Amino acid sequence: MQQWADNYGNFESPYICPWAIPYSLYIAPKKTTFKPNKAPLTKINGLAVHTTWIYQSLSGPACVSSCVNDWAGRGVGAHFIIVTDGTLIQVNPINRVANAQGGIANNFWISVEIQTRESEATPNQIMSAQFLFSWVVGKVGCRKALATGFVGDCLVPKDPMQAALAANAKRDYDPVTKRICSETTTKLNEAVMSSGLSCHYWLYPIKPCPGTPLLKQLPLIAKGY
């Protein structure tokens, strides 16, 4: 990633989206504390959508700075971020695990964080996500469609507050998932090993991500370009 940033405009890699911006050039240099994971991502099933849980009124650089600094302290991350105006930022090369979802899904999915907070993505964000998904389809050969949606039992965290959030996510997401997905499953492994466009909750049902409004927009993103 640093080599790309140092040679931006004159650097090509099969693991870098050609219209993305390296995060280190998008935010203030003093904020670039994130170290990408070195674990290889060798089998990619598709693209997983997440929410940054950051209001869309916050500037794009502030959103990206907040994300990468939070990730740096927790050993997690994502491959891409799409900020409010639709700008696509790349944080990890797609041949590296980003630890975005949790569980074994980390080893099979590219991840994109969309700057939303229980809100719909903007038209520019949808367009950027469509282009990104089409690029992923071309790179890895996944289905250009929604992946299998998960409607089984959520994982139950030990923390009571987190457990309540997981239960609320199941209550809110299952009806939407059944409506928008042509294929659903109660078996988590089937969702993880499916192909196409997925989301955080379908791959690791413990966190209310990407939020109900964004979840409803997944069919728009799955159309791609």
C-alpha atoms as a PDB file:
ATOM      1  CA  MET A   1       0.000   0.000   0.000  1.00  0.00           C
ATOM      2  CA  GLN A   2       2.835   2.399   0.797  1.00  0.00           C
ATOM      3  CA  GLN A   3       4.501   1.649  -2.541  1.00  0.00           C
ATOM      4  CA  TRP A   4       1.213   2.518  -4.251  1.00  0.00           C
ATOM      5  CA  ALA A   5       0.909   5.750  -2.285  1.00  0.00           C
ATOM      6  CA  ASP A   6       4.516   6.703  -3.045  1.00  0.00           C
ATOM      7  CA  ASN A   7       3.962   6.139  -6.766  1.00  0.00           C
ATOM      8  CA  TYR A   8       0.331   7.175  -7.070  1.00  0.00           C
ATOM      9  CA  GLY A   9      -0.630   7.660 -10.711  1.00  0.00           C
ATOM     10  CA  ASN A  10       2.255   5.493 -11.877  1.00  0.00           C
ATOM     11  CA  PHE A  11       1.647   2.193 -10.118  1.00  0.00           C
ATOM     12  CA  GLU A  12      -0.457  -0.809 -11.062  1.00  0.00           C
ATOM     13  CA  SER A  13      -1.280  -3.936  -9.097  1.00  0.00           C
ATOM     14  CA  PRO A  14      -3.917  -6.650  -9.543  1.00  0.00           C
ATOM     15  CA  TYR A  15      -4.764  -6.158  -5.888  1.00  0.00           C
ATOM     16  CA  ILE A  16      -5.478  -2.427  -6.150  1.00  0.00           C
ATOM     17  CA  CYS A  17      -8.740  -1.050  -7.546  1.00  0.00           C
ATOM     18  CA  PRO A  18      -7.708   1.297 -10.392  1.00  0.00           C
ATOM     19  CA  TRP A  19     -10.034   4.172  -9.419  1.00  0.00           C
ATOM     20  CA  ALA A  20      -9.501   3.967  -5.663  1.00  0.00           C
ATOM     21  CA  ILE A  21      -7.402   6.416  -3.656  1.00  0.00           C
ATOM     22  CA  PRO A  22      -4.835   5.101  -1.138  1.00  0.00           C
ATOM     23  CA  TYR A  23      -6.006   6.025   2.339  1.00  0.00           C
ATOM     24  CA  SER A  24      -2.620   7.493   3.285  1.00  0.00           C
ATOM     25  CA  LEU A  25      -2.964  10.146   0.567  1.00  0.00           C
ATOM     26  CA  TYR A  26      -6.538  10.966   1.538  1.00  0.00           C
ATOM     27  CA  ILE A  27      -5.919  11.802   5.199  1.00  0.00           C
ATOM     28  CA  ALA A  28      -3.298  13.801   7.084  1.00  0.00           C
ATOM     29  CA  PRO A  29       0.060  11.955   7.228  1.00  0.00           C
ATOM     30  CA  LYS A  30       0.142  12.048  11.028  1.00  0.00           C
ATOM     31  CA  LYS A  31      -3.049   9.981  11.026  1.00  0.00           C
ATOM     32  CA  THR A  32      -1.649   7.089   8.967  1.00  0.00           C
ATOM     33  CA  THR A  33      -1.007   4.684  11.830  1.00  0.00           C
ATOM     34  CA  PHE A  34      -2.764   1.668  10.321  1.00  0.00           C
ATOM     35  CA  LYS A  35      -0.677  -1.400   9.433  1.00  0.00           C
ATOM     36  CA  PRO A  36      -2.330  -3.747   6.918  1.00  0.00           C
ATOM     37  CA  ASN A  37      -2.651  -7.415   7.794  1.00  0.00           C
ATOM     38  CA  LYS A  38      -0.054  -9.681   6.147  1.00  0.00           C
ATOM     39  CA  ALA A  39      -2.210 -12.841   6.191  1.00  0.00           C
ATOM     40  CA  PRO A  40      -3.022 -13.916   2.600  1.00  0.00           C
ATOM     41  CA  LEU A  41      -6.565 -13.868   1.254  1.00  0.00           C
ATOM     42  CA  THR A  42      -6.388 -16.597  -1.362  1.00  0.00           C
ATOM     43  CA  LYS A  43     -10.019 -17.600  -2.008  1.00  0.00           C
ATOM     44  CA  ILE A  44     -12.453 -14.724  -2.426  1.00  0.00           C
ATOM     45  CA  ASN A  45     -16.196 -15.396  -2.456  1.00  0.00           C
ATOM     46  CA  GLY A  46     -17.288 -11.813  -3.085  1.00  0.00           C
ATOM     47  CA  LEU A  47     -17.776  -8.385  -1.521  1.00  0.00           C
ATOM     48  CA  ALA A  48     -19.200  -7.809   1.971  1.00  0.00           C
ATOM     49  CA  VAL A  49     -20.892  -4.500   2.835  1.00  0.00           C
ATOM     50  CA  HIS A  50     -20.419  -2.801   6.217  1.00  0.00           C
ATOM     51  CA  THR A  51     -21.385   0.495   7.815  1.00  0.00           C
ATOM     52  CA  THR A  52     -18.763   2.817   9.280  1.00  0.00           C
ATOM     53  CA  TRP A  53     -21.419   3.900  11.825  1.00  0.00           C
ATOM     54  CA  ILE A  54     -20.308   7.473  11.181  1.00  0.00           C
ATOM     55  CA  TYR A  55     -22.722  10.261  10.250  1.00  0.00           C
ATOM     56  CA  GLN A  56     -22.654  11.263   6.583  1.00  0.00           C
ATOM     57  CA  SER A  57     -22.271  14.908   7.581  1.00  0.00           C
ATOM     58  CA  LEU A  58     -18.715  14.205   8.793  1.00  0.00           C
ATOM     59  CA  SER A  59     -16.067  14.948   6.186  1.00  0.00           C
ATOM     60  CA  GLY A  60     -14.639  12.071   4.197  1.00  0.00           C
ATOM     61  CA  PRO A  61     -11.070  12.483   5.516  1.00  0.00           C
ATOM     62  CA  ALA A  62     -12.380  12.656   9.093  1.00  0.00           C
ATOM     63  CA  CYS A  63     -14.368   9.452   8.523  1.00  0.00           C
ATOM     64  CA  VAL A  64     -11.388   7.592   7.077  1.00  0.00           C
ATOM     65  CA  SER A  65      -9.094   8.860   9.842  1.00  0.00           C
ATOM     66  CA  SER A  66     -11.559   7.699  12.474  1.00  0.00           C
ATOM     67  CA  CYS A  67     -11.815   4.256  10.892  1.00  0.00           C
ATOM     68  CA  VAL A  68      -8.122   3.538  10.393  1.00  0.00           C
ATOM     69  CA  ASN A  69      -7.135   4.815  13.829  1.00  0.00           C
ATOM     70  CA  ASP A  70      -9.826   2.691  15.464  1.00  0.00           C
ATOM     71  CA  TRP A  71      -8.754  -0.363  13.453  1.00  0.00           C
ATOM     72  CA  ALA A  72      -5.084   0.142  14.285  1.00  0.00           C
ATOM     73  CA  GLY A  73      -5.812  -0.310  17.971  1.00  0.00           C
ATOM     74  CA  ARG A  74      -7.967  -3.432  17.558  1.00  0.00           C
ATOM     75  CA  GLY A  75      -6.276  -5.478  14.861  1.00  0.00           C
ATOM     76  CA  VAL A  76      -9.254  -5.241  12.498  1.00  0.00           C
ATOM     77  CA  GLY A  77      -9.902  -3.363   9.273  1.00  0.00           C
ATOM     78  CA  ALA A  78     -11.510  -3.363   5.844  1.00  0.00           C
ATOM     79  CA  HIS A  79     -10.323  -3.315   2.262  1.00  0.00           C
ATOM     80  CA  PHE A  80     -12.292  -0.253   1.139  1.00  0.00           C
ATOM     81  CA  ILE A  81     -14.197   2.758   2.477  1.00  0.00           C
ATOM     82  CA  ILE A  82     -16.762   4.730   0.480  1.00  0.00           C
ATOM     83  CA  VAL A  83     -17.315   8.177   1.972  1.00  0.00           C
ATOM     84  CA  THR A  84     -20.423  10.332   1.606  1.00  0.00           C
ATOM     85  CA  ASP A  85     -19.539  11.920  -1.742  1.00  0.00           C
ATOM     86  CA  GLY A  86     -18.821   8.484  -3.241  1.00  0.00           C
ATOM     87  CA  THR A  87     -15.024   8.651  -3.162  1.00  0.00           C
ATOM     88  CA  LEU A  88     -13.565   5.137  -2.969  1.00  0.00           C
ATOM     89  CA  ILE A  89     -10.665   4.723  -0.557  1.00  0.00           C
ATOM     90  CA  GLN A  90      -8.545   1.559  -0.413  1.00  0.00           C
ATOM     91  CA  VAL A  91      -6.968   0.539   2.891  1.00  0.00           C
ATOM     92  CA  ASN A  92      -5.873  -3.058   2.254  1.00  0.00           C
ATOM     93  CA  PRO A  93      -4.866  -4.863  -0.950  1.00  0.00           C
ATOM     94  CA  ILE A  94      -7.441  -7.503  -1.838  1.00  0.00           C
ATOM     95  CA  ASN A  95      -4.947 -10.351  -1.477  1.00  0.00           C
ATOM     96  CA  ARG A  96      -4.703  -9.708   2.283  1.00  0.00           C
ATOM     97  CA  VAL A  97      -7.143 -10.611   5.065  1.00  0.00           C
ATOM     98  CA  ALA A  98      -8.730  -7.498   6.591  1.00  0.00           C
ATOM     99  CA  ASN A  99     -10.407  -9.050   9.687  1.00  0.00           C
ATOM    100  CA  ALA A 100     -13.575  -7.135   8.881  1.00  0.00           C
ATOM    101  CA  GLN A 101     -16.351  -9.628   9.522  1.00  0.00           C
ATOM    102  CA  GLY A 102     -15.214 -12.009  12.239  1.00  0.00           C
ATOM    103  CA  GLY A 103     -14.980 -15.784  12.313  1.00  0.00           C
ATOM    104  CA  ILE A 104     -13.936 -17.760   9.241  1.00  0.00           C
ATOM    105  CA  ALA A 105     -15.605 -15.248   6.916  1.00  0.00           C
ATOM    106  CA  ASN A 106     -12.502 -13.053   7.204  1.00  0.00           C
ATOM    107  CA  ASN A 107     -10.683 -15.613   5.070  1.00  0.00           C
ATOM    108  CA  PHE A 108     -13.106 -15.486   2.133  1.00  0.00           C
ATOM    109  CA  TRP A 109     -14.482 -11.968   1.675  1.00  0.00           C
ATOM    110  CA  ILE A 110     -13.376  -8.541   0.484  1.00  0.00           C
ATOM    111  CA  SER A 111     -14.952  -5.834   2.636  1.00  0.00           C
ATOM    112  CA  VAL A 112     -16.213  -2.321   1.999  1.00  0.00           C
ATOM    113  CA  GLU A 113     -17.247   0.145   4.698  1.00  0.00           C
ATOM    114  CA  ILE A 114     -19.863   2.660   3.542  1.00  0.00           C
ATOM    115  CA  GLN A 115     -20.102   5.908   5.497  1.00  0.00           C
ATOM    116  CA  THR A 116     -23.572   5.564   7.006  1.00  0.00           C
ATOM    117  CA  ARG A 117     -25.097   5.503  10.456  1.00  0.00           C
ATOM    118  CA  GLU A 118     -28.448   3.693  10.334  1.00  0.00           C
ATOM    119  CA  SER A 119     -29.070   5.657   7.145  1.00  0.00           C
ATOM    120  CA  GLU A 120     -29.325   5.005   3.428  1.00  0.00           C
ATOM    121  CA  ALA A 121     -26.243   5.290   1.257  1.00  0.00           C
ATOM    122  CA  THR A 122     -26.197   8.379  -0.956  1.00  0.00           C
ATOM    123  CA  PRO A 123     -26.668   8.009  -4.741  1.00  0.00           C
ATOM    124  CA  ASN A 124     -22.942   8.638  -5.222  1.00  0.00           C
ATOM    125  CA  GLN A 125     -22.104   5.948  -2.667  1.00  0.00           C
ATOM    126  CA  ILE A 126     -24.399   3.475  -4.394  1.00  0.00           C
ATOM    127  CA  MET A 127     -22.784   4.213  -7.758  1.00  0.00           C
ATOM    128  CA  SER A 128     -19.292   3.789  -6.313  1.00  0.00           C
ATOM    129  CA  ALA A 129     -20.299   0.531  -4.616  1.00  0.00           C
ATOM    130  CA  GLN A 130     -21.781  -0.726  -7.913  1.00  0.00           C
ATOM    131  CA  PHE A 131     -18.538  -0.020  -9.754  1.00  0.00           C
ATOM    132  CA  LEU A 132     -16.531  -1.672  -6.980  1.00  0.00           C
ATOM    133  CA  PHE A 133     -18.715  -4.772  -6.977  1.00  0.00           C
ATOM    134  CA  SER A 134     -18.485  -5.094 -10.765  1.00  0.00           C
ATOM    135  CA  TRP A 135     -14.699  -4.835 -10.486  1.00  0.00           C
ATOM    136  CA  VAL A 136     -14.657  -7.547  -7.795  1.00  0.00           C
ATOM    137  CA  VAL A 137     -16.840  -9.786  -9.975  1.00  0.00           C
ATOM    138  CA  GLY A 138     -14.376  -9.352 -12.840  1.00  0.00           C
ATOM    139  CA  LYS A 139     -11.360 -10.003 -10.630  1.00  0.00           C
ATOM    140  CA  VAL A 140     -12.490 -13.059  -8.684  1.00  0.00           C
ATOM    141  CA  GLY A 141     -15.351 -14.511 -10.747  1.00  0.00           C
ATOM    142  CA  CYS A 142     -18.005 -14.371  -8.025  1.00  0.00           C
ATOM    143  CA  ARG A 143     -21.711 -14.162  -8.900  1.00  0.00           C
ATOM    144  CA  LYS A 144     -23.024 -10.743  -9.908  1.00  0.00           C
ATOM    145  CA  ALA A 145     -25.952 -11.130  -7.524  1.00  0.00           C
ATOM    146  CA  LEU A 146     -26.783 -11.150  -3.857  1.00  0.00           C
ATOM    147  CA  ALA A 147     -25.091 -13.951  -1.945  1.00  0.00           C
ATOM    148  CA  THR A 148     -27.071 -16.340   0.244  1.00  0.00           C
ATOM    149  CA  GLY A 149     -28.696 -14.394   3.084  1.00  0.00           C
ATOM    150  CA  PHE A 150     -28.432 -15.728   6.626  1.00  0.00           C
ATOM    151  CA  VAL A 151     -31.666 -16.041   8.648  1.00  0.00           C
ATOM    152  CA  GLY A 152     -30.579 -18.502  11.328  1.00  0.00           C
ATOM    153  CA  ASP A 153     -29.863 -17.979  15.014  1.00  0.00           C
ATOM    154  CA  CYS A 154     -27.583 -15.059  15.794  1.00  0.00           C
ATOM    155  CA  LEU A 155     -24.384 -15.570  17.733  1.00  0.00           C
ATOM    156  CA  VAL A 156     -24.869 -14.603  21.383  1.00  0.00           C
ATOM    157  CA  PRO A 157     -22.137 -12.449  22.962  1.00  0.00           C
ATOM    158  CA  LYS A 158     -21.467 -12.747  26.685  1.00  0.00           C
ATOM    159  CA  ASP A 159     -22.045  -9.043  27.206  1.00  0.00           C
ATOM    160  CA  PRO A 160     -25.803  -8.502  27.792  1.00  0.00           C
ATOM    161  CA  MET A 161     -25.877  -5.225  25.845  1.00  0.00           C
ATOM    162  CA  GLN A 162     -24.138  -6.799  22.856  1.00  0.00           C
ATOM    163  CA  ALA A 163     -26.454  -9.794  23.073  1.00  0.00           C
ATOM    164  CA  ALA A 164     -29.454  -7.479  22.932  1.00  0.00           C
ATOM    165  CA  LEU A 165     -28.040  -5.744  19.851  1.00  0.00           C
ATOM    166  CA  ALA A 166     -27.540  -9.094  18.129  1.00  0.00           C
ATOM    167  CA  ALA A 167     -31.113 -10.119  18.922  1.00  0.00           C
ATOM    168  CA  ASN A 168     -32.423  -6.795  17.614  1.00  0.00           C
ATOM    169  CA  ALA A 169     -30.419  -7.250  14.410  1.00  0.00           C
ATOM    170  CA  LYS A 170     -31.977 -10.662  13.816  1.00  0.00           C
ATOM    171  CA  ARG A 171     -35.450  -9.241  14.395  1.00  0.00           C
ATOM    172  CA  ASP A 172     -34.875  -6.336  12.012  1.00  0.00           C
ATOM    173  CA  TYR A 173     -32.751  -8.048   9.350  1.00  0.00           C
ATOM    174  CA  ASP A 174     -34.462 -11.405   8.833  1.00  0.00           C
ATOM    175  CA  PRO A 175     -37.624  -9.986   7.185  1.00  0.00           C
ATOM    176  CA  VAL A 176     -35.538  -7.811   4.854  1.00  0.00           C
ATOM    177  CA  THR A 177     -33.183 -10.689   4.045  1.00  0.00           C
ATOM    178  CA  LYS A 178     -36.070 -13.006   3.153  1.00  0.00           C
ATOM    179  CA  ARG A 179     -37.549 -10.320   0.917  1.00  0.00           C
ATOM    180  CA  ILE A 180     -34.439  -9.351  -1.049  1.00  0.00           C
ATOM    181  CA  CYS A 181     -32.553 -12.653  -1.309  1.00  0.00           C
ATOM    182  CA  SER A 182     -33.445 -15.409  -3.756  1.00  0.00           C
ATOM    183  CA  GLU A 183     -31.573 -17.832  -1.494  1.00  0.00           C
ATOM    184  CA  THR A 184     -31.466 -17.844   2.316  1.00  0.00           C
ATOM    185  CA  THR A 185     -30.092 -20.298   4.847  1.00  0.00           C
ATOM    186  CA  THR A 186     -30.142 -21.021   8.563  1.00  0.00           C
ATOM    187  CA  LYS A 187     -26.635 -22.494   8.335  1.00  0.00           C
ATOM    188  CA  LEU A 188     -23.914 -19.906   8.786  1.00  0.00           C
ATOM    189  CA  ASN A 189     -21.296 -21.874   6.857  1.00  0.00           C
ATOM    190  CA  GLU A 190     -23.560 -21.914   3.794  1.00  0.00           C
ATOM    191  CA  ALA A 191     -23.817 -18.129   3.889  1.00  0.00           C
ATOM    192  CA  VAL A 192     -20.053 -17.754   4.337  1.00  0.00           C
ATOM    193  CA  MET A 193     -19.270 -20.089   1.441  1.00  0.00           C
ATOM    194  CA  SER A 194     -21.841 -18.562  -0.923  1.00  0.00           C
ATOM    195  CA  SER A 195     -20.879 -16.165  -3.702  1.00  0.00           C
ATOM    196  CA  GLY A 196     -21.741 -12.595  -4.660  1.00  0.00           C
ATOM    197  CA  LEU A 197     -22.618  -9.527  -2.591  1.00  0.00           C
ATOM    198  CA  SER A 198     -23.051 -10.116   1.130  1.00  0.00           C
ATOM    199  CA  CYS A 199     -22.943  -8.090   4.346  1.00  0.00           C
ATOM    200  CA  HIS A 200     -21.448  -8.245   7.809  1.00  0.00           C
ATOM    201  CA  TYR A 201     -24.444  -9.756   9.583  1.00  0.00           C
ATOM    202  CA  TRP A 202     -24.986 -12.519   7.020  1.00  0.00           C
ATOM    203  CA  LEU A 203     -21.361 -13.613   7.463  1.00  0.00           C
ATOM    204  CA  TYR A 204     -21.030 -13.195  11.226  1.00  0.00           C
ATOM    205  CA  PRO A 205     -24.433 -12.602  12.849  1.00  0.00           C
ATOM    206  CA  ILE A 206     -23.390 -10.863  16.003  1.00  0.00           C
ATOM    207  CA  LYS A 207     -23.393  -7.154  15.123  1.00  0.00           C
ATOM    208  CA  PRO A 208     -26.152  -4.900  13.699  1.00  0.00           C
ATOM    209  CA  CYS A 209     -24.158  -4.082  10.578  1.00  0.00           C
ATOM    210  CA  PRO A 210     -24.757  -2.662   7.951  1.00  0.00           C
ATOM    211  CA  GLY A 211     -28.010  -1.226   9.349  1.00  0.00           C
ATOM    212  CA  THR A 212     -31.520  -1.783   8.023  1.00  0.00           C
ATOM    213  CA  PRO A 213     -31.597   1.155   5.531  1.00  0.00           C
ATOM    214  CA  LEU A 214     -28.346   0.065   3.875  1.00  0.00           C
ATOM    215  CA  LEU A 215     -29.360  -3.600   3.963  1.00  0.00           C
ATOM    216  CA  LYS A 216     -32.433  -2.717   1.896  1.00  0.00           C
ATOM    217  CA  GLN A 217     -30.166  -1.109  -0.722  1.00  0.00           C
ATOM    218  CA  LEU A 218     -28.032  -4.204  -1.302  1.00  0.00           C
ATOM    219  CA  PRO A 219     -30.056  -5.250  -4.390  1.00  0.00           C
ATOM    220  CA  LEU A 220     -29.171  -1.890  -5.982  1.00  0.00           C
ATOM    221  CA  ILE A 221     -25.471  -2.474  -5.350  1.00  0.00           C
ATOM    222  CA  ALA A 222     -25.661  -6.085  -6.548  1.00  0.00           C
ATOM    223  CA  LYS A 223     -26.748  -4.894 -10.004  1.00  0.00           C
ATOM    224  CA  GLY A 224     -23.267  -3.488 -10.473  1.00  0.00           C
ATOM    225  CA  TYR A 225     -22.205  -1.659 -13.638  1.00  0.00           C
END
